[in-house]
Protein backbone atom coordinates (compact mmCIF):
# COMPACT_ATOMS: atom_id res chain seq x y z
CA MET A 1 93.35 85.06 67.52
CA GLU A 2 96.55 84.06 67.04
CA PRO A 3 95.61 80.52 65.15
CA ILE A 4 92.75 82.31 63.23
CA MET A 5 95.18 85.00 61.94
CA MET A 6 97.62 82.15 60.55
CA LEU A 7 95.09 80.46 59.42
CA VAL A 8 94.12 83.43 57.05
CA ILE A 9 97.53 84.46 56.17
CA ALA A 10 97.83 80.69 54.77
CA THR A 11 94.71 80.61 52.97
CA ILE A 12 95.83 83.56 50.99
CA LEU A 13 99.31 82.59 50.35
CA ALA A 14 97.60 79.15 49.39
CA ALA A 15 94.82 81.56 46.77
CA ILE A 16 98.18 83.21 45.39
CA PHE A 17 99.77 79.96 44.45
CA LEU A 18 97.05 78.76 42.95
CA VAL A 19 96.71 81.42 41.00
CA ALA A 20 99.88 81.74 39.60
CA PHE A 21 99.95 77.78 38.77
CA ASN A 22 96.83 78.53 36.70
CA LYS A 23 98.57 81.17 34.85
CA GLN A 24 101.65 78.55 34.23
CA GLN A 25 98.92 76.16 33.06
CA GLU A 26 96.95 78.02 30.77
CA ASN A 27 100.15 79.46 29.25
CA LYS A 28 101.08 75.77 28.95
CA ILE A 29 97.69 75.10 27.02
CA SER A 30 98.22 78.06 24.33
CA ASN A 31 101.53 77.26 23.72
CA ASN A 32 100.13 73.71 22.89
CA LEU A 33 97.45 74.91 20.84
CA TYR A 34 99.46 77.16 18.63
CA THR A 35 102.23 74.24 18.47
CA ASN A 36 99.20 72.29 16.81
CA ASP A 37 98.09 75.04 14.65
CA VAL A 38 101.20 75.65 12.62
CA GLN A 39 101.60 72.35 12.01
CA HIS A 40 98.52 71.84 10.63
CA LEU A 41 99.23 74.78 8.45
CA TYR A 42 102.74 73.39 7.60
CA LEU A 43 101.15 70.36 6.42
CA LEU A 44 98.71 72.20 4.16
CA THR A 45 101.20 73.94 3.02
CA ALA A 46 103.26 71.19 2.13
CA ALA A 47 100.45 69.52 0.26
CA GLU A 48 99.73 72.18 -1.47
CA TYR A 49 103.16 72.46 -3.11
CA LYS A 50 102.85 68.69 -3.68
CA ILE A 51 100.05 69.16 -5.69
CA LYS A 52 101.59 71.89 -7.86
CA ALA A 53 104.16 69.94 -8.70
CA LEU A 54 101.76 66.78 -9.79
CA GLU A 55 99.92 69.41 -11.86
CA ASN A 56 103.10 71.04 -13.42
CA GLN A 57 104.10 67.77 -14.15
CA GLU A 58 100.86 66.53 -15.93
CA GLN A 59 100.85 69.50 -18.02
CA PHE A 60 104.90 69.09 -18.96
CA ASN A 61 103.75 65.72 -19.58
CA ALA A 62 100.83 66.76 -22.48
CA ASN A 63 103.04 69.35 -23.95
CA SER A 64 105.50 67.15 -24.59
CA ASN A 65 103.49 64.00 -25.59
CA MET A 66 105.54 62.03 -22.80
CA ASN A 67 102.31 59.95 -21.30
CA ARG A 68 103.74 56.38 -20.79
CA ALA A 69 101.30 53.54 -20.90
CA ASP A 70 102.28 52.06 -17.79
CA MET A 71 101.60 54.22 -15.25
CA PRO A 72 98.09 55.83 -14.34
CA SER A 73 97.33 59.64 -14.95
CA ILE A 74 98.58 62.12 -12.44
CA ASN A 75 94.96 63.92 -12.86
CA CYS A 76 93.07 60.56 -12.06
CA GLU A 77 95.07 60.14 -9.07
CA LEU A 78 95.46 63.73 -7.97
CA SER A 79 91.29 64.16 -8.10
CA GLN A 80 90.73 61.16 -6.61
CA LEU A 81 93.14 61.50 -3.39
CA THR A 82 91.61 65.47 -3.11
CA THR A 83 88.36 64.38 -3.34
CA ALA A 84 88.79 61.77 -0.58
CA PHE A 85 90.16 64.58 1.79
CA GLU A 86 87.07 66.64 0.65
CA LYS A 87 84.85 64.13 2.04
CA ASN A 88 87.17 63.36 5.14
CA ASP A 89 87.80 59.80 4.57
CA ILE A 90 91.31 60.06 4.45
CA SER A 91 93.66 62.78 7.02
CA LEU A 92 95.87 65.88 5.90
CA HIS A 93 98.80 63.87 7.48
CA GLU A 94 97.71 60.87 5.14
CA LEU A 95 97.15 62.82 2.34
CA ASN A 96 100.66 64.30 2.26
CA THR A 97 101.91 60.77 2.64
CA LYS A 98 99.85 59.82 -0.42
CA LEU A 99 101.33 62.56 -2.39
CA ASP A 100 104.98 61.88 -1.33
CA TYR A 101 104.34 58.28 -2.64
CA LEU A 102 102.87 59.89 -6.04
CA LEU A 103 105.77 62.08 -6.21
CA ASN A 104 108.00 58.69 -6.33
CA THR A 105 105.80 56.85 -8.43
CA PHE A 106 106.16 59.78 -10.95
CA ASN A 107 109.45 60.58 -10.26
CA ILE A 108 109.15 64.20 -10.31
CA ASN A 109 112.12 65.25 -9.13
CA ASN A 110 114.13 63.73 -10.99
CA VAL A 111 111.79 64.71 -14.36
CA THR A 112 111.94 68.33 -13.76
CA ALA A 113 115.71 68.20 -12.70
CA GLN A 114 116.12 66.98 -16.21
CA SER A 115 113.66 69.53 -18.08
CA TYR A 116 115.47 72.20 -16.60
CA GLN A 117 118.63 70.94 -17.76
CA VAL A 118 117.59 70.16 -21.42
CA VAL A 119 115.97 73.77 -21.80
């Protein structure tokens, strides 16, 4: 009877250990999903701010008649990018990278800083 009792106790302990281990693994998976959601939201928010900065620069250029012939239109570039993103032709990360490139191409950080200094 003793070997059977030891087997039952070992089985119960193994079951308790497996349940505890399973809960630990589920918590790890939940944390990863949360982290991925936060990263996705951050990228969306960053893209939104970049698009807004580009649109503001386009309005500033239109109001001050600062259109440079050698530069493509900001509106045209933005519409192409947003259309490609909406059609899932480009990923969110790639959209942010291309928006960074546009911000650098149109030198928006320097222009907006200069416009605030002039006013």
